[in-house]
Amino acid sequence: MSIYRVIIFSAVATVASASHAYKGTFGAFASDPSNICSLLKAAHADNTFLPDDAGFVNETQKSWSAQAWLTPACVFAPSDATQLSFAVKTLARSSTPFAMRGGGHMPIADAANIDSTGVLISSTNLNTLQLSDDKETMSIGPGPRWGNVFEYMDGTNLTIVGGRLAPVGVPGLLLGGGISYYSYKHGIGSAGGKIKAYEAVLADSTIATVTSDNEYADLYWALQGGGNSFALITRFDLQTFYAGTPLIADATYGTSNATGDAYLAAVLDFALHGDQDTAGAVTPVARWGPNFTAPSYECTLFYNGSIAPTGGPFTKFFDETTLKSVNGSSTLAPQTLAENAKRLFPAFETGGPGHGLRQKFRVVPTAATAEALKIVHDTYFTSLQASGMADRIPGFFTGLASNAITKTFAEASAGTPQNIPLEPAFWIEESLSWEDASDDAEIEEWLSAVNAEIEEKLEAANATNRYIYLNDADKPQDVFAGYGEENLLKLRMIRSKYDPARVFTDLMPGGFKVDP
């Protein structure tokens, strides 16, 4: 052990002992996180970035949304679980606030970053990508994005139930459940034993291998959808399965009222009957931007097979009968997920159209009915058009992604904390982008008002759904209430068992907490 580590552990232990471990103060350390940053720098110089260090800005501006480009006291980027354990011990014993960033895709500002009151733990160096010798397990650290995973697996004819968008991070998606192109057969990414094991750093700095049948079985259950209240994950071991090159299309259908009606009808039919063929997946998005007079109806189509189907709800999106695409854009063609990732990555990188914008999500869960779809669609776009925001606010763009949940999708997701209702539904994601912080207040006010109107109409139509998908939720939404009272109580008990000092709740305040 180096002299620096001796000094650090001596300081930590002495002050912690005098302050009743985690619950006490750390003297000047607690009020000035720069002192803790100095300790981290002394122990791991190459992995600690102070504000004046090269690399600091890059680490603090990796998040997709500019609202999350905060300025922590320092950034610590551990290379393995042992280094992360050291950081957790140091931060907890000094009562120093912190955040941990995976991919940084969630646009809530403090979900994966923190200001100068605390330390940002970066997953940049926790970048494991390893296919087991028997090819049945894909081990992934929290640092890679899903595009990196698919690029690594390219050519193996194997895949995992992972994210649909290349820039999305691995840990956030899986700790919230995770929608995948393969979910219509296999359910959310965390369900059904698809995660064989988690390597985790617990609040007391223990490094644990968490499985469904070992001493941490209760924690395993919680990690399938409980978010970041329980542990920091340094590796996910995922079950692989065979999948050849899929068929993919990015279809655009136009903007007419007739197109909108056909589009919504096809989306509804897929939610109700799409499980007739679980190889198909759709991501329908109705978009609105500057100078629009009607939404642009678009859809990403995915088929896990080499030959396009000839019947069923999925075919309505590409058979050119009732729903006609622009310039044949709905034509399915072979495309690996690695090729798809390379195409999508640039949009979020420096110079890309999404880089540096302010972002916001909100999810509207509804019953799978025509009335519910129409309420959300018409209320949202009518209000948006009346507001004139798209034409006035620089960089404004928005979309409604009508994520269709089939009964098979829901059933394959059973057994997780989410307690997803076993019936067809929509998890409609509202996604907004804009440029300037000066427009934040107007957008927040409008979004609050339009959703109050949407929710009132859905309730009157008996078209609500209790489950709120964590990964697309907005900060004010009560995500865990939708899990049901019994599951929420169980989650809180597990949190209390593994983190009695509330390290991952109070010292790491960002994100959705089961026991805020």
Protein backbone atom coordinates (compact mmCIF):
# COMPACT_ATOMS: atom_id res chain seq x y z
CA MET A 1 0.00 0.00 0.00
CA SER A 2 1.42 3.41 -0.96
CA ILE A 3 2.11 6.10 1.63
CA TYR A 4 -0.76 8.12 0.11
CA ARG A 5 -3.24 5.34 0.77
CA VAL A 6 -1.99 4.97 4.34
CA ILE A 7 -2.54 8.69 4.91
CA ILE A 8 -5.98 8.61 3.30
CA PHE A 9 -7.27 5.57 5.14
CA SER A 10 -5.85 6.86 8.41
CA ALA A 11 -7.61 10.19 7.95
CA VAL A 12 -10.86 8.57 6.91
CA ALA A 13 -10.82 6.03 9.71
CA THR A 14 -9.91 8.57 12.41
CA VAL A 15 -12.61 11.05 11.50
CA ALA A 16 -15.23 8.36 10.83
CA SER A 17 -14.59 6.78 14.21
CA ALA A 18 -15.07 10.11 15.92
CA SER A 19 -18.26 10.78 14.02
CA HIS A 20 -20.10 7.47 14.37
CA ALA A 21 -19.14 6.18 10.92
CA TYR A 22 -21.33 7.40 8.05
CA LYS A 23 -23.72 9.49 10.10
CA GLY A 24 -21.16 11.86 11.53
CA THR A 25 -19.43 14.89 10.10
CA PHE A 26 -15.99 14.99 8.60
CA GLY A 27 -15.06 18.41 9.93
CA ALA A 28 -13.82 20.65 7.15
CA PHE A 29 -13.99 17.73 4.72
CA ALA A 30 -17.80 17.60 4.83
CA SER A 31 -18.19 21.29 4.00
CA ASP A 32 -15.43 21.37 1.38
CA PRO A 33 -15.47 18.46 -1.10
CA SER A 34 -12.23 19.75 -2.62
CA ASN A 35 -10.43 18.16 0.33
CA ILE A 36 -11.89 14.77 -0.56
CA CYS A 37 -10.90 15.44 -4.16
CA SER A 38 -7.34 15.95 -2.97
CA LEU A 39 -7.45 12.58 -1.21
CA LEU A 40 -8.78 10.89 -4.36
CA LYS A 41 -6.11 12.61 -6.44
CA ALA A 42 -3.37 11.45 -4.09
CA ALA A 43 -4.57 7.85 -4.24
CA HIS A 44 -5.43 7.66 -7.95
CA ALA A 45 -3.88 10.58 -9.81
CA ASP A 46 -4.61 9.26 -13.30
CA ASN A 47 -8.26 8.58 -12.47
CA THR A 48 -9.10 11.86 -10.71
CA PHE A 49 -9.83 15.05 -12.63
CA LEU A 50 -9.78 18.40 -10.85
CA PRO A 51 -11.46 21.39 -12.54
CA ASP A 52 -8.19 22.60 -14.06
CA ASP A 53 -7.14 19.17 -15.33
CA ALA A 54 -7.27 18.19 -18.97
CA GLY A 55 -10.21 15.84 -19.39
CA PHE A 56 -12.40 17.42 -16.71
CA VAL A 57 -14.68 19.23 -19.16
CA ASN A 58 -15.03 16.16 -21.35
CA GLU A 59 -16.10 14.05 -18.35
CA THR A 60 -18.60 16.62 -17.09
CA GLN A 61 -20.14 17.19 -20.53
CA LYS A 62 -20.67 13.58 -21.61
CA SER A 63 -24.36 13.71 -20.68
CA TRP A 64 -26.74 14.01 -23.59
CA SER A 65 -28.63 16.99 -22.15
CA ALA A 66 -26.90 20.32 -21.58
CA GLN A 67 -28.86 20.76 -18.32
CA ALA A 68 -26.65 17.99 -16.93
CA TRP A 69 -23.40 19.76 -17.86
CA LEU A 70 -22.68 20.64 -14.25
CA THR A 71 -19.37 21.42 -12.56
CA PRO A 72 -18.56 18.99 -9.74
CA ALA A 73 -15.71 19.55 -7.31
CA CYS A 74 -13.86 16.80 -9.18
CA VAL A 75 -14.44 13.69 -11.27
CA PHE A 76 -13.27 10.24 -10.19
CA ALA A 77 -13.14 7.59 -12.94
CA PRO A 78 -12.33 4.24 -11.27
CA SER A 79 -10.80 1.47 -13.36
CA ASP A 80 -12.28 -1.45 -11.44
CA ALA A 81 -14.56 -2.42 -8.58
CA THR A 82 -11.76 -2.09 -6.02
CA GLN A 83 -11.17 1.55 -6.91
CA LEU A 84 -14.91 2.25 -6.87
CA SER A 85 -15.17 0.57 -3.46
CA PHE A 86 -12.41 2.88 -2.20
CA ALA A 87 -14.32 5.90 -3.50
CA VAL A 88 -17.60 4.84 -1.93
CA LYS A 89 -15.88 4.29 1.43
CA THR A 90 -14.14 7.66 1.26
CA LEU A 91 -17.23 9.60 0.19
CA ALA A 92 -19.55 7.89 2.66
CA ARG A 93 -17.29 8.31 5.66
CA SER A 94 -16.78 11.98 4.88
CA SER A 95 -20.48 12.58 4.13
CA THR A 96 -19.53 13.99 0.73
CA PRO A 97 -22.37 14.17 -1.82
CA PHE A 98 -21.76 12.44 -5.13
CA ALA A 99 -23.32 11.25 -8.37
CA MET A 100 -22.48 8.37 -10.67
CA ARG A 101 -22.82 8.59 -14.43
CA GLY A 102 -23.35 5.68 -16.77
CA GLY A 103 -24.30 6.74 -20.28
CA GLY A 104 -25.79 10.03 -19.12
CA HIS A 105 -28.83 9.73 -21.37
CA MET A 106 -31.50 10.64 -18.80
CA PRO A 107 -32.02 14.40 -19.19
CA ILE A 108 -32.83 15.11 -15.52
CA ALA A 109 -29.93 17.39 -14.58
CA ASP A 110 -28.83 15.70 -11.35
CA ALA A 111 -29.57 12.11 -12.42
CA ALA A 112 -25.97 11.54 -13.48
CA ASN A 113 -24.02 14.63 -12.42
CA ILE A 114 -23.63 16.98 -9.47
CA ASP A 115 -22.55 20.56 -8.88
CA SER A 116 -19.55 21.85 -6.93
CA THR A 117 -20.96 20.54 -3.65
CA GLY A 118 -19.92 17.00 -4.57
CA VAL A 119 -17.96 14.49 -6.62
CA LEU A 120 -18.92 12.91 -9.94
CA ILE A 121 -18.01 9.24 -10.30
CA SER A 122 -17.56 8.48 -13.99
CA SER A 123 -17.98 5.04 -15.50
CA THR A 124 -15.63 5.86 -18.39
CA ASN A 125 -12.98 3.35 -17.33
CA LEU A 126 -15.40 0.62 -16.23
CA ASN A 127 -15.59 -0.50 -19.83
CA THR A 128 -15.67 -4.30 -19.71
CA LEU A 129 -16.84 -5.97 -22.93
CA GLN A 130 -16.22 -9.72 -22.77
CA LEU A 131 -17.96 -12.68 -24.38
CA SER A 132 -17.45 -15.86 -22.36
CA ASP A 133 -15.59 -18.82 -23.86
CA ASP A 134 -18.83 -20.79 -24.14
CA LYS A 135 -20.45 -17.71 -25.74
CA GLU A 136 -23.43 -17.91 -23.37
CA THR A 137 -22.59 -14.84 -21.30
CA MET A 138 -21.83 -11.28 -22.35
CA SER A 139 -20.18 -9.28 -19.56
CA ILE A 140 -20.57 -5.51 -19.81
CA GLY A 141 -19.34 -2.70 -17.59
CA PRO A 142 -21.34 0.48 -16.94
CA GLY A 143 -19.08 2.53 -19.22
CA PRO A 144 -20.00 1.29 -22.73
CA ARG A 145 -23.08 2.50 -24.58
CA TRP A 146 -25.35 -0.04 -26.25
CA GLY A 147 -23.82 0.80 -29.61
CA ASN A 148 -20.41 -0.22 -28.26
CA VAL A 149 -21.89 -3.52 -27.10
CA PHE A 150 -23.40 -4.33 -30.48
CA GLU A 151 -20.22 -3.33 -32.29
CA TYR A 152 -18.25 -5.70 -30.04
CA MET A 153 -20.70 -8.56 -30.71
CA ASP A 154 -20.84 -7.95 -34.44
CA GLY A 155 -20.19 -11.10 -36.46
CA THR A 156 -20.98 -13.52 -33.63
CA ASN A 157 -24.63 -14.15 -34.62
CA LEU A 158 -25.38 -13.55 -30.95
CA THR A 159 -27.15 -10.73 -29.19
CA ILE A 160 -28.55 -9.71 -25.83
CA VAL A 161 -31.74 -7.90 -24.82
CA GLY A 162 -30.26 -4.41 -24.80
CA GLY A 163 -31.14 -0.84 -25.72
CA ARG A 164 -32.55 0.31 -29.03
CA LEU A 165 -30.53 3.53 -29.35
CA ALA A 166 -26.74 3.33 -29.72
CA PRO A 167 -25.88 6.32 -27.45
CA VAL A 168 -27.94 5.07 -24.49
CA GLY A 169 -25.87 3.80 -21.55
CA VAL A 170 -25.99 0.24 -20.27
CA PRO A 171 -26.58 0.70 -16.50
CA GLY A 172 -29.41 3.22 -16.62
CA LEU A 173 -31.42 1.18 -19.08
CA LEU A 174 -31.08 -2.12 -17.18
CA LEU A 175 -31.61 -0.67 -13.69
CA GLY A 176 -34.90 0.80 -14.90
CA GLY A 177 -35.92 -2.37 -16.75
CA GLY A 178 -35.13 -1.54 -20.35
CA ILE A 179 -37.12 -1.63 -23.61
CA SER A 180 -35.37 -3.56 -26.37
CA TYR A 181 -36.14 -4.50 -29.96
CA TYR A 182 -36.35 -8.04 -28.59
CA SER A 183 -38.76 -7.15 -25.77
CA TYR A 184 -41.85 -8.25 -27.68
CA LYS A 185 -40.66 -11.82 -27.16
CA HIS A 186 -38.37 -11.57 -24.14
CA GLY A 187 -39.80 -8.69 -22.07
CA ILE A 188 -37.80 -5.88 -20.51
CA GLY A 189 -34.04 -6.29 -20.42
CA SER A 190 -33.81 -7.03 -16.70
CA ALA A 191 -36.55 -9.68 -16.51
CA GLY A 192 -36.63 -13.45 -16.74
CA GLY A 193 -33.07 -14.18 -15.66
CA LYS A 194 -31.55 -12.44 -18.69
CA ILE A 195 -29.17 -10.74 -16.28
CA LYS A 196 -27.27 -13.68 -14.84
CA ALA A 197 -25.34 -11.66 -12.31
CA TYR A 198 -24.42 -8.15 -11.20
CA GLU A 199 -21.01 -7.24 -9.82
CA ALA A 200 -21.87 -4.48 -7.36
CA VAL A 201 -20.28 -2.16 -4.84
CA LEU A 202 -22.54 -1.92 -1.80
CA ALA A 203 -22.92 1.07 0.51
CA ASP A 204 -20.47 -0.39 3.04
CA SER A 205 -17.93 -0.72 0.17
CA THR A 206 -18.34 -4.51 -0.09
CA ILE A 207 -17.80 -5.85 -3.61
CA ALA A 208 -20.55 -8.41 -4.17
CA THR A 209 -21.54 -10.81 -6.94
CA VAL A 210 -25.33 -10.63 -6.95
CA THR A 211 -27.39 -13.48 -8.41
CA SER A 212 -30.95 -14.72 -8.14
CA ASP A 213 -29.96 -17.75 -6.07
CA ASN A 214 -27.18 -16.64 -3.74
CA GLU A 215 -27.15 -14.72 -0.48
CA TYR A 216 -28.01 -11.53 -2.37
CA ALA A 217 -31.15 -12.87 -4.05
CA ASP A 218 -33.32 -10.10 -2.57
CA LEU A 219 -30.93 -7.45 -3.87
CA TYR A 220 -30.98 -9.15 -7.30
CA TRP A 221 -34.75 -8.75 -7.38
CA ALA A 222 -34.50 -5.06 -6.45
CA LEU A 223 -31.87 -4.29 -9.09
CA GLN A 224 -34.20 -5.43 -11.89
CA GLY A 225 -36.09 -2.15 -11.73
CA GLY A 226 -35.38 -0.31 -8.48
CA GLY A 227 -33.00 2.20 -10.01
CA ASN A 228 -29.91 3.48 -8.21
CA SER A 229 -31.00 3.24 -4.56
CA PHE A 230 -29.21 -0.02 -3.75
CA ALA A 231 -25.70 -0.37 -5.19
CA LEU A 232 -23.28 0.81 -7.86
CA ILE A 233 -22.90 -1.78 -10.62
CA THR A 234 -19.47 -2.48 -12.08
CA ARG A 235 -20.47 -5.39 -14.36
CA PHE A 236 -23.60 -6.94 -15.83
CA ASP A 237 -23.44 -10.58 -16.96
CA LEU A 238 -26.11 -11.00 -19.64
CA GLN A 239 -27.53 -14.12 -21.26
CA THR A 240 -26.81 -14.29 -24.98
CA PHE A 241 -29.07 -15.81 -27.61
CA TYR A 242 -28.86 -16.46 -31.33
CA ALA A 243 -29.96 -13.70 -33.66
CA GLY A 244 -28.92 -13.24 -37.25
CA THR A 245 -28.85 -9.95 -39.14
CA PRO A 246 -32.24 -8.26 -38.62
CA LEU A 247 -34.30 -6.28 -41.09
CA ILE A 248 -34.54 -2.56 -40.29
CA ALA A 249 -36.20 0.49 -41.81
CA ASP A 250 -36.61 4.12 -40.74
CA ALA A 251 -39.96 4.94 -42.26
CA THR A 252 -41.48 8.38 -42.82
CA TYR A 253 -45.14 8.53 -43.76
CA GLY A 254 -45.96 12.20 -44.25
CA THR A 255 -48.16 14.71 -42.44
CA SER A 256 -51.75 14.50 -43.73
CA ASN A 257 -54.76 13.88 -41.49
CA ALA A 258 -55.47 10.64 -43.35
CA THR A 259 -51.90 9.52 -42.74
CA GLY A 260 -52.23 10.36 -39.04
CA ASP A 261 -55.43 8.33 -38.73
CA ALA A 262 -53.89 5.30 -40.49
CA TYR A 263 -50.73 5.63 -38.42
CA LEU A 264 -52.54 5.69 -35.07
CA ALA A 265 -54.72 2.78 -36.15
CA ALA A 266 -51.63 0.72 -37.03
CA VAL A 267 -49.98 1.58 -33.72
CA LEU A 268 -53.09 0.48 -31.82
CA ASP A 269 -53.36 -2.75 -33.80
CA PHE A 270 -49.73 -3.55 -32.98
CA ALA A 271 -50.31 -3.02 -29.25
CA LEU A 272 -53.37 -5.26 -29.26
CA HIS A 273 -52.21 -7.98 -31.66
CA GLY A 274 -48.48 -7.52 -32.32
CA ASP A 275 -47.65 -10.59 -30.26
CA GLN A 276 -48.93 -12.71 -33.15
CA ASP A 277 -45.34 -12.37 -34.37
CA THR A 278 -42.88 -11.57 -31.59
CA ALA A 279 -40.01 -11.05 -34.04
CA GLY A 280 -41.35 -7.63 -35.02
CA ALA A 281 -40.81 -4.37 -33.12
CA VAL A 282 -41.90 -0.82 -33.90
CA THR A 283 -40.85 2.54 -32.46
CA PRO A 284 -43.49 4.98 -33.72
CA VAL A 285 -42.73 8.70 -33.25
CA ALA A 286 -44.88 11.64 -34.30
CA ARG A 287 -42.61 14.69 -34.52
CA TRP A 288 -43.09 18.47 -34.57
CA GLY A 289 -40.58 21.23 -35.28
CA PRO A 290 -40.29 24.78 -36.63
CA ASN A 291 -42.81 25.75 -39.33
CA PHE A 292 -44.75 22.49 -38.94
CA THR A 293 -48.50 22.68 -39.48
CA ALA A 294 -49.05 18.97 -38.72
CA PRO A 295 -47.00 16.20 -37.12
CA SER A 296 -44.57 14.15 -39.19
CA TYR A 297 -45.41 10.47 -38.71
CA GLU A 298 -42.35 8.22 -38.54
CA CYS A 299 -41.44 4.76 -37.30
CA THR A 300 -38.34 2.64 -36.83
CA LEU A 301 -39.15 -0.92 -37.92
CA PHE A 302 -37.21 -3.95 -36.70
CA TYR A 303 -37.70 -7.58 -37.62
CA ASN A 304 -35.66 -10.39 -36.09
CA GLY A 305 -35.55 -12.52 -39.22
CA SER A 306 -34.12 -12.61 -42.73
CA ILE A 307 -37.46 -12.57 -44.59
CA ALA A 308 -40.14 -9.94 -43.98
CA PRO A 309 -43.50 -11.32 -42.80
CA THR A 310 -46.50 -11.26 -45.11
CA GLY A 311 -49.32 -10.81 -42.63
CA GLY A 312 -50.20 -9.43 -39.20
CA PRO A 313 -50.10 -6.00 -37.52
CA PHE A 314 -46.38 -5.46 -38.11
CA THR A 315 -46.86 -5.54 -41.89
CA LYS A 316 -49.14 -2.49 -41.83
CA PHE A 317 -46.06 -0.32 -41.32
CA PHE A 318 -44.39 -1.40 -44.57
CA ASP A 319 -46.88 -3.05 -46.93
CA GLU A 320 -47.82 0.33 -48.51
CA THR A 321 -51.59 -0.33 -48.43
CA THR A 322 -53.28 1.92 -45.87
CA LEU A 323 -50.06 3.51 -44.57
CA LYS A 324 -47.87 4.74 -47.41
CA SER A 325 -44.27 5.75 -46.77
CA VAL A 326 -42.36 8.58 -48.40
CA ASN A 327 -39.98 7.40 -51.15
CA GLY A 328 -40.26 3.77 -50.08
CA SER A 329 -38.62 4.53 -46.73
CA SER A 330 -40.52 1.69 -45.03
CA THR A 331 -38.72 -0.97 -47.11
CA LEU A 332 -37.05 -3.41 -44.73
CA ALA A 333 -33.42 -4.21 -45.45
CA PRO A 334 -30.71 -6.24 -43.68
CA GLN A 335 -28.73 -4.14 -41.22
CA THR A 336 -26.70 -5.33 -38.26
CA LEU A 337 -27.14 -3.60 -34.94
CA ALA A 338 -23.48 -2.59 -35.23
CA GLU A 339 -24.18 -0.85 -38.55
CA ASN A 340 -27.23 0.77 -37.04
CA ALA A 341 -25.16 1.98 -34.08
CA LYS A 342 -22.52 3.59 -36.31
CA ARG A 343 -25.29 5.47 -38.09
CA LEU A 344 -26.88 6.76 -34.88
CA PHE A 345 -23.83 7.59 -32.75
CA PRO A 346 -22.86 10.85 -34.54
CA ALA A 347 -26.16 12.56 -33.68
CA PHE A 348 -25.13 12.76 -30.03
CA GLU A 349 -21.45 13.55 -30.49
CA THR A 350 -19.77 16.95 -30.85
CA GLY A 351 -21.08 18.57 -34.01
CA GLY A 352 -24.11 16.29 -34.17
CA PRO A 353 -27.64 17.74 -34.26
CA GLY A 354 -28.43 16.57 -30.72
CA HIS A 355 -25.20 17.64 -29.05
CA GLY A 356 -25.37 20.46 -26.53
CA LEU A 357 -29.15 20.89 -26.61
CA ARG A 358 -31.35 20.97 -23.55
CA GLN A 359 -33.57 17.88 -23.32
CA LYS A 360 -36.60 16.67 -21.44
CA PHE A 361 -38.60 13.44 -21.19
CA ARG A 362 -41.96 12.64 -19.71
CA VAL A 363 -43.91 9.38 -19.99
CA VAL A 364 -47.68 9.15 -20.33
CA PRO A 365 -48.91 5.61 -19.56
CA THR A 366 -52.29 4.75 -21.08
CA ALA A 367 -54.60 1.88 -21.82
CA ALA A 368 -54.31 0.42 -25.31
CA THR A 369 -57.38 2.08 -26.80
CA ALA A 370 -58.01 4.30 -29.80
CA GLU A 371 -59.46 6.95 -27.49
CA ALA A 372 -56.36 7.04 -25.30
CA LEU A 373 -54.04 7.45 -28.29
CA LYS A 374 -56.19 10.19 -29.75
CA ILE A 375 -56.43 12.07 -26.44
CA VAL A 376 -52.66 12.21 -26.01
CA HIS A 377 -51.91 12.92 -29.66
CA ASP A 378 -54.56 15.58 -30.26
CA THR A 379 -54.19 17.36 -26.91
CA TYR A 380 -50.39 17.52 -27.16
CA PHE A 381 -50.11 18.78 -30.72
CA THR A 382 -53.12 21.11 -30.60
CA SER A 383 -51.72 22.81 -27.51
CA LEU A 384 -48.23 22.93 -29.00
CA GLN A 385 -49.45 24.55 -32.21
CA ALA A 386 -51.47 27.13 -30.26
CA SER A 387 -48.44 28.02 -28.13
CA GLY A 388 -46.25 28.84 -31.14
CA MET A 389 -43.21 27.56 -29.21
CA ALA A 390 -41.80 25.55 -32.08
CA ASP A 391 -41.48 28.68 -34.22
CA ARG A 392 -40.27 31.00 -31.44
CA ILE A 393 -37.87 28.92 -29.33
CA PRO A 394 -34.44 28.30 -30.89
CA GLY A 395 -33.64 24.63 -31.44
CA PHE A 396 -37.12 23.45 -30.46
CA PHE A 397 -38.15 19.98 -31.55
CA THR A 398 -40.46 17.43 -29.99
CA GLY A 399 -41.87 13.98 -30.52
CA LEU A 400 -44.41 11.56 -29.12
CA ALA A 401 -43.01 8.03 -29.11
CA SER A 402 -45.96 5.68 -28.68
CA ASN A 403 -44.18 2.66 -27.22
CA ALA A 404 -46.68 -0.16 -27.71
CA ILE A 405 -46.68 -2.81 -24.97
CA THR A 406 -48.25 -6.10 -26.01
CA LYS A 407 -49.61 -8.65 -23.57
CA THR A 408 -46.72 -11.00 -24.39
CA PHE A 409 -44.23 -8.18 -23.70
CA ALA A 410 -45.85 -7.58 -20.30
CA GLU A 411 -46.05 -11.28 -19.41
CA ALA A 412 -42.38 -11.83 -20.28
CA SER A 413 -41.54 -8.97 -17.89
CA ALA A 414 -43.28 -10.56 -14.90
CA GLY A 415 -41.49 -11.19 -11.62
CA THR A 416 -39.72 -7.85 -11.46
CA PRO A 417 -40.32 -4.98 -9.01
CA GLN A 418 -42.14 -3.00 -11.71
CA ASN A 419 -45.20 -5.24 -11.47
CA ILE A 420 -46.15 -4.31 -15.03
CA PRO A 421 -49.89 -4.82 -15.67
CA LEU A 422 -50.41 -7.94 -17.77
CA GLU A 423 -52.36 -6.24 -20.52
CA PRO A 424 -51.72 -4.22 -23.68
CA ALA A 425 -50.74 -0.61 -23.00
CA PHE A 426 -48.89 2.42 -24.27
CA TRP A 427 -45.90 4.02 -22.57
CA ILE A 428 -45.96 7.27 -24.55
CA GLU A 429 -42.74 9.24 -24.26
CA GLU A 430 -42.81 13.00 -24.70
CA SER A 431 -39.33 14.13 -25.77
CA LEU A 432 -38.37 17.79 -26.15
CA SER A 433 -35.20 19.57 -27.26
CA TRP A 434 -34.27 23.28 -27.26
CA GLU A 435 -31.18 25.47 -27.09
CA ASP A 436 -31.34 28.14 -24.40
CA ALA A 437 -31.74 28.02 -20.61
CA SER A 438 -33.81 31.22 -20.88
CA ASP A 439 -36.62 29.13 -22.39
CA ASP A 440 -36.65 26.49 -19.64
CA ALA A 441 -39.43 28.13 -17.61
CA GLU A 442 -41.83 28.48 -20.55
CA ILE A 443 -41.33 24.88 -21.62
CA GLU A 444 -41.77 23.58 -18.07
CA GLU A 445 -44.95 25.61 -17.63
CA TRP A 446 -46.40 24.45 -20.94
CA LEU A 447 -45.49 20.80 -20.34
CA SER A 448 -47.07 20.86 -16.90
CA ALA A 449 -50.27 22.41 -18.24
CA VAL A 450 -50.68 20.16 -21.26
CA ASN A 451 -50.09 17.02 -19.20
CA ALA A 452 -52.61 18.12 -16.59
CA GLU A 453 -55.12 18.40 -19.44
CA ILE A 454 -54.08 15.03 -20.90
CA GLU A 455 -54.35 13.27 -17.54
CA GLU A 456 -57.77 14.78 -16.82
CA LYS A 457 -59.08 13.55 -20.17
CA LEU A 458 -57.55 10.09 -19.75
CA GLU A 459 -59.10 9.71 -16.32
CA ALA A 460 -62.50 10.78 -17.62
CA ALA A 461 -62.17 8.16 -20.37
CA ASN A 462 -61.00 5.48 -17.90
CA ALA A 463 -57.92 5.12 -20.09
CA THR A 464 -55.06 5.50 -17.62
CA ASN A 465 -52.39 2.94 -16.72
CA ARG A 466 -50.74 2.90 -13.29
CA TYR A 467 -47.23 1.87 -14.41
CA ILE A 468 -44.79 4.71 -15.16
CA TYR A 469 -41.69 3.58 -17.07
CA LEU A 470 -38.73 4.91 -15.08
CA ASN A 471 -36.35 5.41 -17.99
CA ASP A 472 -38.62 7.92 -19.76
CA ALA A 473 -40.06 9.62 -16.67
CA ASP A 474 -39.81 13.25 -15.62
CA LYS A 475 -38.60 14.27 -12.18
CA PRO A 476 -42.01 15.15 -10.70
CA GLN A 477 -43.53 11.79 -11.69
CA ASP A 478 -44.07 9.29 -8.86
CA VAL A 479 -42.48 6.31 -10.57
CA PHE A 480 -42.42 3.85 -7.69
CA ALA A 481 -46.05 4.38 -6.71
CA GLY A 482 -46.89 2.56 -9.93
CA TYR A 483 -45.03 -0.55 -8.73
CA GLY A 484 -47.75 -1.18 -6.18
CA GLU A 485 -47.72 -0.76 -2.40
CA GLU A 486 -46.41 -4.28 -1.68
CA ASN A 487 -43.46 -4.06 -4.07
CA LEU A 488 -42.57 -0.55 -2.95
CA LEU A 489 -42.52 -1.65 0.68
CA LYS A 490 -40.31 -4.60 -0.25
CA LEU A 491 -37.93 -2.32 -2.14
CA ARG A 492 -37.69 0.01 0.84
CA MET A 493 -36.92 -2.89 3.16
CA ILE A 494 -34.15 -4.11 0.84
CA ARG A 495 -32.73 -0.61 0.62
CA SER A 496 -32.72 -0.37 4.40
CA LYS A 497 -31.01 -3.75 4.71
CA TYR A 498 -28.17 -3.01 2.31
CA ASP A 499 -27.84 0.73 2.88
CA PRO A 500 -29.01 1.59 6.42
CA ALA A 501 -27.04 4.84 6.36
CA ARG A 502 -28.82 5.91 3.12
CA VAL A 503 -25.56 6.50 1.25
CA PHE A 504 -27.16 5.89 -2.17
CA THR A 505 -30.25 7.87 -1.22
CA ASP A 506 -29.07 10.96 0.65
CA LEU A 507 -25.42 11.32 -0.35
CA MET A 508 -26.22 10.31 -3.96
CA PRO A 509 -29.49 12.21 -4.36
CA GLY A 510 -29.88 12.15 -8.15
CA GLY A 511 -32.36 9.93 -9.94
CA PHE A 512 -35.56 8.27 -8.73
CA LYS A 513 -35.36 6.93 -5.17
CA VAL A 514 -37.50 4.21 -3.61
CA ASP A 515 -37.28 5.93 -0.21
CA PRO A 516 -36.65 9.64 -0.83
